[in-house]
Amino acid sequence: MSGNQTFTMIKPVAVKNNKIGPILKMINEAGFRIKAMKFTHLTKKQASDFYAVHADKYFFEDLTSFMSSGPIVAAILEKENAVEDYRKLIGATDPAKAEEGTIRKLYAESMSHNAVHGSDSDENAIIESDFFFSKTERF
């Protein structure tokens, strides 16, 4: 999986604002193939488990509350140089600082109510994908 796959989540604010279609369109137009995808609603515990790396950070409680506040779309994306290319497509975490035309610039409400998550490394792409998808759910 290393190098050619990454993981993403379309977060509750983007789902609530009917941005799943436009975000998936941008992902497809950027040359990514969707290898697995599911529409789900995280419990507070699942959100806490997924973001456990941030458990000691000041924003952890708000993050896990936000991520369990509504449905999300989880997906594994495939493309050469997937992690780096996807990070460019989504833009900076702070939408005010994100480049024009990026997913976060277009669809995030704020840094804490962001539109999408994207893996920050090949290793985390594997861990995050495994959190949501079994091997048999991947195409």
Protein backbone atom coordinates (compact mmCIF):
# COMPACT_ATOMS: atom_id res chain seq x y z
CA MET A 1 0.00 0.00 0.00
CA SER A 2 2.90 2.35 0.70
CA GLY A 3 3.31 5.09 -1.85
CA ASN A 4 0.19 4.68 -3.93
CA GLN A 5 -2.69 4.81 -1.45
CA THR A 6 -3.97 7.31 1.07
CA PHE A 7 -6.93 7.64 3.37
CA THR A 8 -9.51 10.40 3.56
CA MET A 9 -12.63 11.27 5.48
CA ILE A 10 -15.25 13.75 4.37
CA LYS A 11 -16.11 15.27 7.74
CA PRO A 12 -19.56 15.96 9.25
CA VAL A 13 -19.71 19.63 8.22
CA ALA A 14 -19.14 18.81 4.56
CA VAL A 15 -21.63 15.94 4.67
CA LYS A 16 -24.22 18.20 6.35
CA ASN A 17 -23.65 20.88 3.69
CA ASN A 18 -24.16 18.40 0.82
CA LYS A 19 -20.55 18.57 -0.39
CA ILE A 20 -19.89 14.83 -0.78
CA GLY A 21 -20.50 14.94 -4.54
CA PRO A 22 -18.36 18.02 -5.25
CA ILE A 23 -15.51 16.69 -3.10
CA LEU A 24 -15.59 13.25 -4.75
CA LYS A 25 -15.64 14.97 -8.14
CA MET A 26 -12.47 16.91 -7.25
CA ILE A 27 -10.83 13.70 -6.04
CA ASN A 28 -11.69 11.90 -9.29
CA GLU A 29 -10.63 14.83 -11.48
CA ALA A 30 -7.26 14.87 -9.68
CA GLY A 31 -6.65 11.33 -10.92
CA PHE A 32 -7.42 9.35 -7.76
CA ARG A 33 -9.27 6.03 -7.89
CA ILE A 34 -11.54 5.13 -5.01
CA LYS A 35 -10.49 1.70 -3.71
CA ALA A 36 -12.96 1.54 -0.81
CA MET A 37 -15.61 3.88 0.53
CA LYS A 38 -18.26 3.87 3.25
CA PHE A 39 -20.81 6.24 4.69
CA THR A 40 -20.85 5.89 8.48
CA HIS A 41 -21.40 7.73 11.74
CA LEU A 42 -18.59 7.59 14.30
CA THR A 43 -19.40 7.13 17.94
CA LYS A 44 -17.54 9.36 20.39
CA LYS A 45 -15.39 6.33 21.34
CA GLN A 46 -14.54 5.58 17.70
CA ALA A 47 -13.61 9.22 17.12
CA SER A 48 -11.48 9.14 20.28
CA ASP A 49 -9.78 5.93 19.16
CA PHE A 50 -9.11 7.26 15.65
CA TYR A 51 -7.64 10.52 16.96
CA ALA A 52 -5.87 8.96 19.99
CA VAL A 53 -2.57 10.46 18.84
CA HIS A 54 -4.04 13.86 19.79
CA ALA A 55 -5.45 12.78 23.18
CA ASP A 56 -3.19 15.12 25.11
CA LYS A 57 -3.90 18.17 22.93
CA TYR A 58 -6.18 21.02 23.93
CA PHE A 59 -8.46 20.47 20.92
CA PHE A 60 -9.05 16.72 21.44
CA GLU A 61 -12.47 17.02 23.13
CA ASP A 62 -13.80 19.45 20.52
CA LEU A 63 -12.37 17.34 17.68
CA THR A 64 -13.93 14.09 18.86
CA SER A 65 -17.26 15.79 19.58
CA PHE A 66 -17.25 17.30 16.08
CA MET A 67 -16.26 14.03 14.40
CA SER A 68 -19.07 12.17 16.18
CA SER A 69 -21.67 14.89 15.53
CA GLY A 70 -22.85 13.51 12.19
CA PRO A 71 -22.10 11.08 9.39
CA ILE A 72 -18.77 10.94 7.57
CA VAL A 73 -17.53 9.34 4.36
CA ALA A 74 -14.35 7.29 4.76
CA ALA A 75 -12.38 6.30 1.66
CA ILE A 76 -9.14 4.76 0.50
CA LEU A 77 -7.74 6.55 -2.54
CA GLU A 78 -5.19 5.26 -5.00
CA LYS A 79 -2.76 7.18 -7.19
CA GLU A 80 0.99 7.29 -7.55
CA ASN A 81 2.42 9.56 -4.84
CA ALA A 82 -1.02 9.48 -3.21
CA VAL A 83 -0.32 11.03 0.20
CA GLU A 84 1.59 14.03 -1.11
CA ASP A 85 -0.77 14.64 -4.04
CA TYR A 86 -3.84 14.41 -1.83
CA ARG A 87 -2.35 16.80 0.73
CA LYS A 88 -1.88 19.31 -2.09
CA LEU A 89 -5.47 18.81 -3.25
CA ILE A 90 -6.97 19.38 0.20
CA GLY A 91 -4.82 22.37 1.15
CA ALA A 92 -3.76 23.72 4.54
CA THR A 93 -5.68 22.70 7.66
CA ASP A 94 -6.63 26.34 8.21
CA PRO A 95 -8.96 27.13 5.30
CA ALA A 96 -8.03 30.83 5.56
CA LYS A 97 -4.45 29.84 4.69
CA ALA A 98 -5.32 27.15 2.11
CA GLU A 99 -4.58 27.80 -1.54
CA GLU A 100 -7.45 28.81 -3.80
CA GLY A 101 -9.19 25.86 -5.39
CA THR A 102 -8.28 23.36 -2.67
CA ILE A 103 -10.97 21.29 -0.96
CA ARG A 104 -10.47 22.95 2.41
CA LYS A 105 -10.51 26.46 0.92
CA LEU A 106 -13.77 25.68 -0.86
CA TYR A 107 -15.64 23.63 1.73
CA ALA A 108 -14.25 24.00 5.27
CA GLU A 109 -16.06 26.30 7.67
CA SER A 110 -13.05 26.78 9.95
CA MET A 111 -9.92 25.04 11.16
CA SER A 112 -11.92 23.12 13.77
CA HIS A 113 -14.83 22.41 11.40
CA ASN A 114 -12.79 21.24 8.49
CA ALA A 115 -14.22 19.54 5.40
CA VAL A 116 -11.81 16.63 5.03
CA HIS A 117 -9.10 14.60 6.68
CA GLY A 118 -6.11 13.33 4.72
CA SER A 119 -3.32 11.02 5.86
CA ASP A 120 -0.02 12.79 6.51
CA SER A 121 2.27 9.84 5.73
CA ASP A 122 2.28 6.46 4.01
CA GLU A 123 2.45 4.78 7.43
CA ASN A 124 -0.58 6.67 8.74
CA ALA A 125 -2.49 5.96 5.53
CA ILE A 126 -2.15 2.25 6.31
CA ILE A 127 -3.15 2.66 9.97
CA GLU A 128 -6.11 4.89 9.15
CA SER A 129 -7.33 2.69 6.30
CA ASP A 130 -7.13 -0.37 8.54
CA PHE A 131 -9.21 1.44 11.18
CA PHE A 132 -12.17 1.65 8.79
CA PHE A 133 -11.74 -1.15 6.25
CA SER A 134 -11.00 -4.86 6.38
CA LYS A 135 -8.84 -6.34 3.61
CA THR A 136 -11.95 -7.83 1.99
CA GLU A 137 -13.64 -4.42 1.71
CA ARG A 138 -10.92 -3.07 -0.58
CA PHE A 139 -11.19 -3.33 -4.35
